[in-house]
Structure formats: structure tokens, C-alpha cells
Amino acid sequence: MSTTDFDKFVARQQQAAAEVADTDWDKERDEWLDHLNTLHTKIRSFLRKYVDSGQVKVETVQVILNEENIGLYEAPQMVLRIGGQHVVLKPVGTLFVGAKGRVDVEGPAGRAAILLVNKRAQSPASLVHVAVGTGGALPPAPAMSPEKIEWEWKIVTRPPERRFIEITQESFFQLVMEVANG
């Protein structure tokens, strides 16, 4: 390794630190919480018939999250009570590579993830630029589109082929049944 490589590394780290310092972290947190509330509203609309009939109870509790640069803050966690089953929609946070947020859906039979990603994304692989056959050197990142990203909540399917699917009433009910052993 030459000192030139190290010089480039130091310069990249300084640039990254400057970008972090310039970020409005309160705004990032507030946008994430707004998106989280939008997800909760959508889920409540899916469950309205069952809640109105008393078959499903939906509760929201505040939990404390702690994220680098944002610090401690409260976020809503949704709890679904379906008979003797409890399914929790647990907010994880907003600082993820390629995603603006993650919620884990946890039940007695397992866990699944819902990600806030670019509406056009079809799979986790579409979120990451991978360099193959470059001898360790990364090619330039693809040019960023000047258009604004439209964020959308999507369910991440289970392996082996992970992909994103739109959250509809049907896909959400299927997800709940999977984690609740339905």
C-alpha cells in the first residue's frame, strides 16, 4: 500500500464526516416517524373490520430507540392481539444502507421485516452497487438520479430469493399468519 492510497482513504473519511455533520438529524428522525405513522395508519385500515367486531385489538406503545447521530428518541410500536396471539410491529430505526427505515414483525413463530425503500426497488440486491471483477478497486458509483426518491414500505420475502413485495391487505395478513403460526 502506498501513502497515496492512505491519503485517498483519509480524504474520503474527512468528506464522510463533513456530510454527517451537515445532516439535519432531527429532520431525519421526524421524517422516519412520519413514515412509521403512515405504516400504522395503513395497517389499521386493513384491520378495521376485525377491530370493529372486537376480533382483533390494536395497541400502540411508545418505545425508546437509540441511533448513532440521532440519539435517544421515542417511536410508536404497534401490538396486534388476535385471540391468544400477539404480533408486534417493532420499529428498529432509520439508519440503514439503501433503506430509510425498518420495522420487524415478530410473533411466536418467527420474525419478518418491513423496509422503507425506494418505491422502484424490487429486491435488496437492487439497493446496493456491487463491484465484481475489479481487482478490489471499486468502480465509480452509478450517477444518482436527479429525481426525488419516493419512499414506500415493502415486505421483505424470506430466503433464498429475497425480494420486496407491496404491502396490501392480503400480503400483510399473510405476513401476520406466518409469524403467528397461523
N, C-alpha and C. Protein backbone atom coordinates (compact mmCIF):
# COMPACT_ATOMS: atom_id res chain seq x y z
N MET A 1 0.86 -1.19 0.00
CA MET A 1 0.00 0.00 0.00
C MET A 1 0.89 1.23 0.00
N SER A 2 0.56 2.15 -0.84
CA SER A 2 1.34 3.38 -0.90
C SER A 2 0.69 4.44 -0.02
N THR A 3 1.44 5.47 0.27
CA THR A 3 0.87 6.56 1.07
C THR A 3 -0.21 7.28 0.28
N THR A 4 -0.16 7.20 -1.04
CA THR A 4 -1.19 7.82 -1.87
C THR A 4 -2.55 7.16 -1.59
N ASP A 5 -2.57 5.83 -1.45
CA ASP A 5 -3.82 5.13 -1.11
C ASP A 5 -4.34 5.59 0.24
N PHE A 6 -3.40 5.73 1.19
CA PHE A 6 -3.82 6.18 2.52
C PHE A 6 -4.31 7.62 2.46
N ASP A 7 -3.68 8.45 1.68
CA ASP A 7 -4.13 9.84 1.52
C ASP A 7 -5.56 9.88 0.99
N LYS A 8 -5.85 9.03 0.03
CA LYS A 8 -7.21 8.97 -0.54
C LYS A 8 -8.21 8.49 0.51
N PHE A 9 -7.80 7.48 1.28
CA PHE A 9 -8.65 6.96 2.35
C PHE A 9 -8.97 8.07 3.36
N VAL A 10 -7.96 8.79 3.80
CA VAL A 10 -8.16 9.88 4.77
C VAL A 10 -9.08 10.94 4.19
N ALA A 11 -8.90 11.29 2.94
CA ALA A 11 -9.74 12.31 2.31
C ALA A 11 -11.20 11.85 2.25
N ARG A 12 -11.42 10.57 1.93
CA ARG A 12 -12.80 10.04 1.89
C ARG A 12 -13.43 10.08 3.27
N GLN A 13 -12.67 9.74 4.28
CA GLN A 13 -13.20 9.75 5.65
C GLN A 13 -13.53 11.17 6.10
N GLN A 14 -12.72 12.12 5.73
CA GLN A 14 -12.98 13.52 6.08
C GLN A 14 -14.26 14.01 5.38
N GLN A 15 -14.43 13.62 4.12
CA GLN A 15 -15.64 14.01 3.37
C GLN A 15 -16.88 13.38 4.01
N ALA A 16 -16.78 12.11 4.39
CA ALA A 16 -17.91 11.43 5.02
C ALA A 16 -18.26 12.10 6.35
N ALA A 17 -17.26 12.47 7.13
CA ALA A 17 -17.51 13.14 8.42
C ALA A 17 -18.17 14.49 8.21
N ALA A 18 -17.76 15.21 7.17
CA ALA A 18 -18.37 16.51 6.88
C ALA A 18 -19.83 16.35 6.48
N GLU A 19 -20.14 15.30 5.71
CA GLU A 19 -21.53 15.05 5.31
C GLU A 19 -22.39 14.72 6.52
N VAL A 20 -21.85 13.93 7.46
CA VAL A 20 -22.59 13.59 8.68
C VAL A 20 -22.86 14.85 9.48
N ALA A 21 -21.86 15.72 9.59
CA ALA A 21 -22.02 16.96 10.36
C ALA A 21 -23.05 17.88 9.74
N ASP A 22 -23.19 17.83 8.41
CA ASP A 22 -24.14 18.71 7.72
C ASP A 22 -25.57 18.18 7.71
N THR A 23 -25.79 16.96 8.17
CA THR A 23 -27.11 16.35 8.15
C THR A 23 -27.97 16.90 9.29
N ASP A 24 -29.21 17.21 8.97
CA ASP A 24 -30.18 17.64 9.99
C ASP A 24 -30.80 16.38 10.58
N TRP A 25 -30.23 15.89 11.68
CA TRP A 25 -30.65 14.62 12.26
C TRP A 25 -32.05 14.68 12.85
N ASP A 26 -32.46 15.84 13.36
CA ASP A 26 -33.83 15.98 13.87
C ASP A 26 -34.83 15.81 12.73
N LYS A 27 -34.50 16.37 11.59
CA LYS A 27 -35.37 16.23 10.41
C LYS A 27 -35.42 14.77 9.95
N GLU A 28 -34.27 14.09 9.93
CA GLU A 28 -34.23 12.68 9.55
C GLU A 28 -35.13 11.84 10.47
N ARG A 29 -35.01 12.09 11.78
CA ARG A 29 -35.83 11.36 12.77
C ARG A 29 -37.30 11.64 12.55
N ASP A 30 -37.66 12.91 12.36
CA ASP A 30 -39.06 13.28 12.20
C ASP A 30 -39.66 12.70 10.92
N GLU A 31 -38.89 12.66 9.84
CA GLU A 31 -39.38 12.04 8.59
C GLU A 31 -39.63 10.55 8.80
N TRP A 32 -38.71 9.90 9.49
CA TRP A 32 -38.85 8.47 9.78
C TRP A 32 -40.10 8.22 10.61
N LEU A 33 -40.34 9.03 11.63
CA LEU A 33 -41.52 8.86 12.47
C LEU A 33 -42.81 9.11 11.68
N ASP A 34 -42.78 10.07 10.76
CA ASP A 34 -43.95 10.31 9.89
C ASP A 34 -44.23 9.09 9.02
N HIS A 35 -43.18 8.51 8.46
CA HIS A 35 -43.36 7.30 7.63
C HIS A 35 -43.88 6.14 8.48
N LEU A 36 -43.39 6.03 9.70
CA LEU A 36 -43.84 4.98 10.62
C LEU A 36 -45.33 5.14 10.93
N ASN A 37 -45.76 6.37 11.17
CA ASN A 37 -47.19 6.63 11.42
C ASN A 37 -48.03 6.31 10.19
N THR A 38 -47.50 6.57 9.00
CA THR A 38 -48.22 6.23 7.76
C THR A 38 -48.41 4.71 7.67
N LEU A 39 -47.37 3.95 8.00
CA LEU A 39 -47.47 2.48 8.00
C LEU A 39 -48.55 2.03 8.99
N HIS A 40 -48.55 2.59 10.18
CA HIS A 40 -49.54 2.21 11.20
C HIS A 40 -50.96 2.54 10.73
N THR A 41 -51.14 3.67 10.09
CA THR A 41 -52.46 4.05 9.58
C THR A 41 -52.93 3.04 8.53
N LYS A 42 -52.04 2.64 7.64
CA LYS A 42 -52.37 1.67 6.60
C LYS A 42 -52.79 0.33 7.22
N ILE A 43 -52.03 -0.12 8.21
CA ILE A 43 -52.34 -1.40 8.87
C ILE A 43 -53.67 -1.32 9.60
N ARG A 44 -53.93 -0.21 10.27
CA ARG A 44 -55.22 -0.04 10.96
C ARG A 44 -56.38 -0.11 9.96
N SER A 45 -56.17 0.44 8.76
CA SER A 45 -57.25 0.38 7.76
C SER A 45 -57.48 -1.06 7.31
N PHE A 46 -56.40 -1.86 7.19
CA PHE A 46 -56.54 -3.27 6.82
C PHE A 46 -57.34 -4.03 7.88
N LEU A 47 -57.14 -3.66 9.14
CA LEU A 47 -57.71 -4.41 10.26
C LEU A 47 -59.04 -3.85 10.76
N ARG A 48 -59.52 -2.76 10.18
CA ARG A 48 -60.70 -2.05 10.68
C ARG A 48 -61.89 -2.98 10.95
N LYS A 49 -62.22 -3.84 10.01
CA LYS A 49 -63.36 -4.76 10.15
C LYS A 49 -63.19 -5.65 11.39
N TYR A 50 -61.99 -6.13 11.61
CA TYR A 50 -61.71 -7.04 12.72
C TYR A 50 -61.65 -6.30 14.06
N VAL A 51 -61.15 -5.08 14.03
CA VAL A 51 -61.11 -4.26 15.25
C VAL A 51 -62.53 -3.86 15.64
N ASP A 52 -63.32 -3.42 14.64
CA ASP A 52 -64.71 -3.00 14.91
C ASP A 52 -65.54 -4.14 15.49
N SER A 53 -65.26 -5.38 15.08
CA SER A 53 -66.03 -6.53 15.58
C SER A 53 -65.45 -7.07 16.89
N GLY A 54 -64.31 -6.53 17.33
CA GLY A 54 -63.70 -6.98 18.57
C GLY A 54 -62.83 -8.22 18.43
N GLN A 55 -62.62 -8.70 17.20
CA GLN A 55 -61.82 -9.90 16.98
C GLN A 55 -60.31 -9.64 17.08
N VAL A 56 -59.92 -8.41 16.80
CA VAL A 56 -58.51 -8.02 16.86
C VAL A 56 -58.42 -6.73 17.68
N LYS A 57 -57.43 -6.68 18.55
CA LYS A 57 -57.16 -5.47 19.31
C LYS A 57 -55.82 -4.91 18.84
N VAL A 58 -55.80 -3.60 18.62
CA VAL A 58 -54.57 -2.94 18.19
C VAL A 58 -54.20 -1.92 19.26
N GLU A 59 -52.96 -2.01 19.71
CA GLU A 59 -52.46 -1.10 20.74
C GLU A 59 -51.16 -0.49 20.23
N THR A 60 -50.96 0.77 20.55
CA THR A 60 -49.70 1.42 20.22
C THR A 60 -49.04 1.85 21.51
N VAL A 61 -47.78 1.46 21.66
CA VAL A 61 -47.00 1.85 22.83
C VAL A 61 -45.74 2.56 22.35
N GLN A 62 -45.25 3.47 23.15
CA GLN A 62 -44.02 4.18 22.80
C GLN A 62 -42.82 3.40 23.31
N VAL A 63 -41.82 3.22 22.46
CA VAL A 63 -40.58 2.56 22.84
C VAL A 63 -39.43 3.53 22.61
N ILE A 64 -38.34 3.29 23.29
CA ILE A 64 -37.15 4.15 23.15
C ILE A 64 -36.19 3.50 22.16
N LEU A 65 -35.79 4.28 21.15
CA LEU A 65 -34.77 3.85 20.20
C LEU A 65 -33.53 4.71 20.42
N ASN A 66 -32.38 4.16 20.08
CA ASN A 66 -31.13 4.90 20.20
C ASN A 66 -30.33 4.66 18.94
N GLU A 67 -30.16 5.71 18.14
CA GLU A 67 -29.42 5.57 16.89
C GLU A 67 -28.25 6.54 16.86
N GLU A 68 -27.18 6.09 16.24
CA GLU A 68 -26.00 6.93 16.10
C GLU A 68 -26.39 8.24 15.41
N ASN A 69 -25.89 9.33 15.88
CA ASN A 69 -26.13 10.69 15.39
C ASN A 69 -27.50 11.25 15.77
N ILE A 70 -28.50 10.40 15.89
CA ILE A 70 -29.84 10.87 16.27
C ILE A 70 -29.98 10.86 17.79
N GLY A 71 -29.46 9.84 18.42
CA GLY A 71 -29.56 9.71 19.88
C GLY A 71 -30.83 9.00 20.29
N LEU A 72 -31.22 9.21 21.55
CA LEU A 72 -32.43 8.59 22.10
C LEU A 72 -33.67 9.33 21.63
N TYR A 73 -34.71 8.56 21.28
CA TYR A 73 -36.00 9.15 20.94
C TYR A 73 -37.09 8.10 21.08
N GLU A 74 -38.33 8.57 21.18
CA GLU A 74 -39.48 7.66 21.28
C GLU A 74 -40.05 7.40 19.91
N ALA A 75 -40.51 6.15 19.71
CA ALA A 75 -41.16 5.76 18.47
C ALA A 75 -42.33 4.85 18.80
N PRO A 76 -43.39 4.90 17.98
CA PRO A 76 -44.55 4.04 18.25
C PRO A 76 -44.31 2.59 17.82
N GLN A 77 -44.71 1.69 18.68
CA GLN A 77 -44.66 0.26 18.39
C GLN A 77 -46.09 -0.26 18.41
N MET A 78 -46.48 -0.98 17.38
CA MET A 78 -47.84 -1.48 17.28
C MET A 78 -47.89 -2.93 17.75
N VAL A 79 -48.91 -3.24 18.56
CA VAL A 79 -49.12 -4.60 19.05
C VAL A 79 -50.50 -5.05 18.60
N LEU A 80 -50.53 -6.19 17.90
CA LEU A 80 -51.79 -6.78 17.45
C LEU A 80 -52.11 -7.95 18.36
N ARG A 81 -53.31 -7.97 18.91
CA ARG A 81 -53.75 -9.08 19.76
C ARG A 81 -54.88 -9.79 19.01
N ILE A 82 -54.59 -11.02 18.61
CA ILE A 82 -55.55 -11.81 17.83
C ILE A 82 -55.78 -13.09 18.62
N GLY A 83 -56.88 -13.14 19.35
CA GLY A 83 -57.10 -14.27 20.25
C GLY A 83 -55.98 -14.31 21.26
N GLY A 84 -55.32 -15.46 21.37
CA GLY A 84 -54.20 -15.59 22.29
C GLY A 84 -52.86 -15.21 21.69
N GLN A 85 -52.85 -14.83 20.42
CA GLN A 85 -51.60 -14.48 19.74
C GLN A 85 -51.30 -12.99 19.86
N HIS A 86 -50.02 -12.67 19.96
CA HIS A 86 -49.56 -11.29 19.94
C HIS A 86 -48.55 -11.15 18.81
N VAL A 87 -48.78 -10.18 17.96
CA VAL A 87 -47.84 -9.87 16.90
C VAL A 87 -47.41 -8.43 17.11
N VAL A 88 -46.09 -8.21 17.15
CA VAL A 88 -45.55 -6.89 17.44
C VAL A 88 -44.86 -6.34 16.20
N LEU A 89 -45.20 -5.11 15.86
CA LEU A 89 -44.52 -4.39 14.79
C LEU A 89 -43.53 -3.45 15.47
N LYS A 90 -42.29 -3.92 15.55
CA LYS A 90 -41.26 -3.27 16.34
C LYS A 90 -40.41 -2.36 15.47
N PRO A 91 -40.44 -1.03 15.70
CA PRO A 91 -39.59 -0.14 14.92
C PRO A 91 -38.12 -0.38 15.28
N VAL A 92 -37.28 -0.49 14.27
CA VAL A 92 -35.86 -0.76 14.50
C VAL A 92 -35.06 0.52 14.36
N GLY A 93 -35.37 1.32 13.34
CA GLY A 93 -34.67 2.58 13.16
C GLY A 93 -34.67 3.03 11.72
N THR A 94 -33.96 4.14 11.48
CA THR A 94 -33.96 4.76 10.17
C THR A 94 -32.61 4.75 9.48
N LEU A 95 -31.55 4.39 10.17
CA LEU A 95 -30.21 4.49 9.58
C LEU A 95 -29.74 3.15 9.02
N PHE A 96 -30.14 2.87 7.78
CA PHE A 96 -29.78 1.62 7.11
C PHE A 96 -29.28 1.91 5.71
N VAL A 97 -28.34 1.13 5.24
CA VAL A 97 -27.85 1.29 3.88
C VAL A 97 -28.96 0.89 2.91
N GLY A 98 -29.32 1.80 2.03
CA GLY A 98 -30.31 1.51 0.99
C GLY A 98 -31.75 1.62 1.43
N ALA A 99 -32.01 1.84 2.71
CA ALA A 99 -33.39 1.94 3.20
C ALA A 99 -33.49 3.11 4.16
N LYS A 100 -34.69 3.65 4.28
CA LYS A 100 -34.91 4.78 5.17
C LYS A 100 -35.52 4.33 6.49
N GLY A 101 -35.78 3.03 6.63
CA GLY A 101 -36.30 2.55 7.90
C GLY A 101 -36.62 1.08 7.86
N ARG A 102 -36.71 0.50 9.07
CA ARG A 102 -37.05 -0.92 9.17
C ARG A 102 -37.95 -1.15 10.37
N VAL A 103 -38.93 -2.03 10.16
CA VAL A 103 -39.82 -2.49 11.22
C VAL A 103 -39.77 -4.01 11.20
N ASP A 104 -39.52 -4.61 12.36
CA ASP A 104 -39.57 -6.06 12.46
C ASP A 104 -40.97 -6.47 12.92
N VAL A 105 -41.50 -7.49 12.27
CA VAL A 105 -42.81 -8.03 12.63
C VAL A 105 -42.52 -9.34 13.35
N GLU A 106 -42.82 -9.38 14.66
CA GLU A 106 -42.45 -10.52 15.49
C GLU A 106 -43.67 -11.19 16.06
N GLY A 107 -43.67 -12.51 15.98
CA GLY A 107 -44.73 -13.32 16.55
C GLY A 107 -44.14 -14.57 17.15
N PRO A 108 -44.97 -15.45 17.72
CA PRO A 108 -44.46 -16.65 18.36
C PRO A 108 -43.77 -17.62 17.41
N ALA A 109 -44.05 -17.54 16.11
CA ALA A 109 -43.45 -18.48 15.15
C ALA A 109 -42.30 -17.88 14.36
N GLY A 110 -41.95 -16.62 14.62
CA GLY A 110 -40.83 -16.07 13.87
C GLY A 110 -40.89 -14.57 13.72
N ARG A 111 -40.01 -14.10 12.83
CA ARG A 111 -39.87 -12.67 12.61
C ARG A 111 -39.72 -12.41 11.12
N ALA A 112 -40.23 -11.27 10.69
CA ALA A 112 -40.10 -10.83 9.31
C ALA A 112 -39.78 -9.34 9.33
N ALA A 113 -39.41 -8.81 8.18
CA ALA A 113 -39.04 -7.40 8.11
C ALA A 113 -39.88 -6.66 7.09
N ILE A 114 -40.16 -5.41 7.44
CA ILE A 114 -40.77 -4.47 6.52
C ILE A 114 -39.78 -3.32 6.40
N LEU A 115 -39.41 -2.97 5.16
CA LEU A 115 -38.43 -1.91 4.94
C LEU A 115 -39.07 -0.73 4.22
N LEU A 116 -38.58 0.45 4.54
CA LEU A 116 -38.96 1.67 3.85
C LEU A 116 -37.89 1.91 2.80
N VAL A 117 -38.23 1.64 1.53
CA VAL A 117 -37.25 1.68 0.44
C VAL A 117 -37.79 2.51 -0.73
N ASN A 118 -36.90 2.74 -1.68
CA ASN A 118 -37.30 3.40 -2.91
C ASN A 118 -38.43 2.59 -3.54
N LYS A 119 -39.48 3.27 -3.91
CA LYS A 119 -40.67 2.60 -4.48
C LYS A 119 -40.29 1.71 -5.67
N ARG A 120 -39.26 2.08 -6.41
CA ARG A 120 -38.87 1.32 -7.59
C ARG A 120 -38.03 0.08 -7.27
N ALA A 121 -37.55 -0.05 -6.04
CA ALA A 121 -36.71 -1.19 -5.67
C ALA A 121 -37.52 -2.47 -5.68
N GLN A 122 -36.93 -3.52 -6.25
CA GLN A 122 -37.59 -4.82 -6.35
C GLN A 122 -37.01 -5.86 -5.40
N SER A 123 -35.75 -5.62 -4.94
CA SER A 123 -35.09 -6.59 -4.06
C SER A 123 -33.98 -5.88 -3.31
N PRO A 124 -33.48 -6.50 -2.23
CA PRO A 124 -32.34 -5.91 -1.53
C PRO A 124 -31.14 -5.72 -2.45
N ALA A 125 -30.94 -6.63 -3.39
CA ALA A 125 -29.80 -6.52 -4.31
C ALA A 125 -29.88 -5.25 -5.15
N SER A 126 -31.08 -4.76 -5.42
CA SER A 126 -31.21 -3.56 -6.24
C SER A 126 -30.84 -2.29 -5.47
N LEU A 127 -30.60 -2.41 -4.18
CA LEU A 127 -30.26 -1.25 -3.36
C LEU A 127 -28.77 -1.01 -3.25
N VAL A 128 -27.97 -2.01 -3.64
CA VAL A 128 -26.53 -1.94 -3.42
C VAL A 128 -25.80 -2.07 -4.75
N HIS A 129 -24.81 -1.22 -4.94
CA HIS A 129 -23.95 -1.29 -6.12
C HIS A 129 -22.78 -2.20 -5.78
N VAL A 130 -22.64 -3.29 -6.52
CA VAL A 130 -21.60 -4.27 -6.23
C VAL A 130 -20.56 -4.26 -7.33
N ALA A 131 -19.29 -4.26 -6.91
CA ALA A 131 -18.18 -4.31 -7.87
C ALA A 131 -17.71 -5.75 -8.00
N VAL A 132 -17.72 -6.27 -9.22
CA VAL A 132 -17.28 -7.64 -9.46
C VAL A 132 -16.16 -7.60 -10.49
N GLY A 133 -15.10 -8.33 -10.23
CA GLY A 133 -14.02 -8.43 -11.20
C GLY A 133 -13.23 -7.15 -11.37
N THR A 134 -13.10 -6.36 -10.32
CA THR A 134 -12.36 -5.10 -10.44
C THR A 134 -11.03 -5.15 -9.70
N GLY A 135 -10.63 -6.36 -9.28
CA GLY A 135 -9.35 -6.49 -8.59
C GLY A 135 -9.31 -5.75 -7.26
N GLY A 136 -10.46 -5.61 -6.63
CA GLY A 136 -10.51 -4.94 -5.33
C GLY A 136 -10.79 -3.45 -5.42
N ALA A 137 -10.62 -2.88 -6.60
CA ALA A 137 -10.90 -1.45 -6.75
C ALA A 137 -12.37 -1.26 -7.10
N LEU A 138 -13.01 -0.37 -6.43
CA LEU A 138 -14.42 -0.12 -6.70
C LEU A 138 -14.55 0.83 -7.88
N PRO A 139 -15.42 0.49 -8.83
CA PRO A 139 -15.67 1.42 -9.93
C PRO A 139 -16.47 2.60 -9.40
N PRO A 140 -16.55 3.66 -10.17
CA PRO A 140 -17.34 4.80 -9.71
C PRO A 140 -18.79 4.37 -9.47
N ALA A 141 -19.40 4.91 -8.44
CA ALA A 141 -20.80 4.62 -8.15
C ALA A 141 -21.65 5.13 -9.30
N PRO A 142 -22.78 4.47 -9.56
CA PRO A 142 -23.63 4.95 -10.64
C PRO A 142 -24.13 6.35 -10.34
N ALA A 143 -24.32 7.13 -11.37
CA ALA A 143 -24.79 8.51 -11.18
C ALA A 143 -26.15 8.49 -10.48
N MET A 144 -26.29 9.36 -9.51
CA MET A 144 -27.55 9.44 -8.78
C MET A 144 -28.59 10.12 -9.65
N SER A 145 -29.77 9.59 -9.61
CA SER A 145 -30.86 10.16 -10.38
C SER A 145 -31.25 11.50 -9.76
N PRO A 146 -31.47 12.51 -10.57
CA PRO A 146 -31.83 13.81 -10.02
C PRO A 146 -33.25 13.83 -9.44
N GLU A 147 -34.04 12.82 -9.77
CA GLU A 147 -35.41 12.81 -9.26
C GLU A 147 -35.43 12.43 -7.79
N LYS A 148 -36.43 12.91 -7.11
CA LYS A 148 -36.57 12.65 -5.69
C LYS A 148 -37.03 11.20 -5.48
N ILE A 149 -36.47 10.55 -4.46
CA ILE A 149 -36.86 9.19 -4.15
C ILE A 149 -38.26 9.19 -3.54
N GLU A 150 -39.09 8.30 -4.02
CA GLU A 150 -40.42 8.10 -3.44
C GLU A 150 -40.33 6.88 -2.54
N TRP A 151 -40.43 7.11 -1.21
CA TRP A 151 -40.28 6.04 -0.24
C TRP A 151 -41.57 5.27 -0.08
N GLU A 152 -41.43 3.94 0.06
CA GLU A 152 -42.60 3.07 0.22
C GLU A 152 -42.23 1.90 1.13
N TRP A 153 -43.17 1.53 2.00
CA TRP A 153 -42.98 0.37 2.86
C TRP A 153 -43.19 -0.89 2.03
N LYS A 154 -42.26 -1.86 2.16
CA LYS A 154 -42.37 -3.13 1.45
C LYS A 154 -41.97 -4.27 2.37
N ILE A 155 -42.64 -5.39 2.18
CA ILE A 155 -42.33 -6.61 2.93
C ILE A 155 -41.13 -7.27 2.25
N VAL A 156 -40.19 -7.75 3.06
CA VAL A 156 -39.04 -8.49 2.54
C VAL A 156 -39.38 -9.97 2.63
N THR A 157 -39.34 -10.67 1.50
CA THR A 157 -39.65 -12.10 1.50
C THR A 157 -38.51 -12.88 2.12
N ARG A 158 -38.80 -14.11 2.48
CA ARG A 158 -37.81 -14.98 3.13
C ARG A 158 -36.82 -15.53 2.10
N PRO A 159 -35.64 -15.98 2.58
CA PRO A 159 -34.67 -16.58 1.67
C PRO A 159 -35.26 -17.83 1.03
N PRO A 160 -34.72 -18.34 -0.04
CA PRO A 160 -33.43 -17.98 -0.60
C PRO A 160 -33.47 -16.75 -1.50
N GLU A 161 -34.59 -16.47 -2.11
CA GLU A 161 -34.64 -15.32 -3.01
C GLU A 161 -35.38 -14.17 -2.32
N ARG A 162 -34.62 -13.31 -1.70
CA ARG A 162 -35.24 -12.16 -1.02
C ARG A 162 -35.66 -11.13 -2.07
N ARG A 163 -36.89 -10.68 -1.94
CA ARG A 163 -37.38 -9.62 -2.82
C ARG A 163 -38.36 -8.78 -2.02
N PHE A 164 -38.74 -7.66 -2.58
CA PHE A 164 -39.69 -6.76 -1.93
C PHE A 164 -41.07 -6.96 -2.54
N ILE A 165 -42.09 -7.00 -1.68
CA ILE A 165 -43.45 -7.04 -2.20
C ILE A 165 -44.25 -5.91 -1.57
N GLU A 166 -45.17 -5.41 -2.35
CA GLU A 166 -46.03 -4.32 -1.91
C GLU A 166 -46.85 -4.76 -0.70
N ILE A 167 -47.08 -3.83 0.20
CA ILE A 167 -47.93 -4.14 1.35
C ILE A 167 -49.38 -3.87 0.96
N THR A 168 -50.11 -4.97 0.80
CA THR A 168 -51.54 -4.91 0.56
C THR A 168 -52.21 -5.59 1.75
N GLN A 169 -53.51 -5.53 1.81
CA GLN A 169 -54.19 -6.22 2.89
C GLN A 169 -53.86 -7.71 2.86
N GLU A 170 -53.90 -8.29 1.69
CA GLU A 170 -53.62 -9.73 1.54
C GLU A 170 -52.19 -10.07 1.95
N SER A 171 -51.20 -9.30 1.47
CA SER A 171 -49.81 -9.61 1.80
C SER A 171 -49.53 -9.38 3.29
N PHE A 172 -50.16 -8.37 3.87
CA PHE A 172 -49.96 -8.13 5.30
C PHE A 172 -50.59 -9.24 6.13
N PHE A 173 -51.80 -9.67 5.79
CA PHE A 173 -52.44 -10.76 6.52
C PHE A 173 -51.61 -12.04 6.43
N GLN A 174 -51.04 -12.32 5.25
CA GLN A 174 -50.18 -13.49 5.08
C GLN A 174 -48.95 -13.39 5.98
N LEU A 175 -48.37 -12.22 6.06
CA LEU A 175 -47.20 -11.99 6.92
C LEU A 175 -47.55 -12.23 8.38
N VAL A 176 -48.67 -11.71 8.83
CA VAL A 176 -49.10 -11.91 10.22
C VAL A 176 -49.30 -13.40 10.50
N MET A 177 -49.94 -14.11 9.59
CA MET A 177 -50.16 -15.55 9.80
C MET A 177 -48.84 -16.31 9.86
N GLU A 178 -47.86 -15.91 9.06
CA GLU A 178 -46.56 -16.58 9.07
C GLU A 178 -45.86 -16.42 10.42
N VAL A 179 -45.82 -15.22 10.96
CA VAL A 179 -45.11 -15.01 12.23
C VAL A 179 -45.92 -15.47 13.43
N ALA A 180 -47.25 -15.66 13.25
CA ALA A 180 -48.11 -16.11 14.35
C ALA A 180 -48.40 -17.59 14.26
N ASN A 181 -47.79 -18.28 13.28
CA ASN A 181 -48.01 -19.71 13.09
C ASN A 181 -49.47 -20.01 12.77
N GLY A 182 -50.05 -19.15 11.88
CA GLY A 182 -51.46 -19.29 11.52
C GLY A 182 -51.66 -20.29 10.48
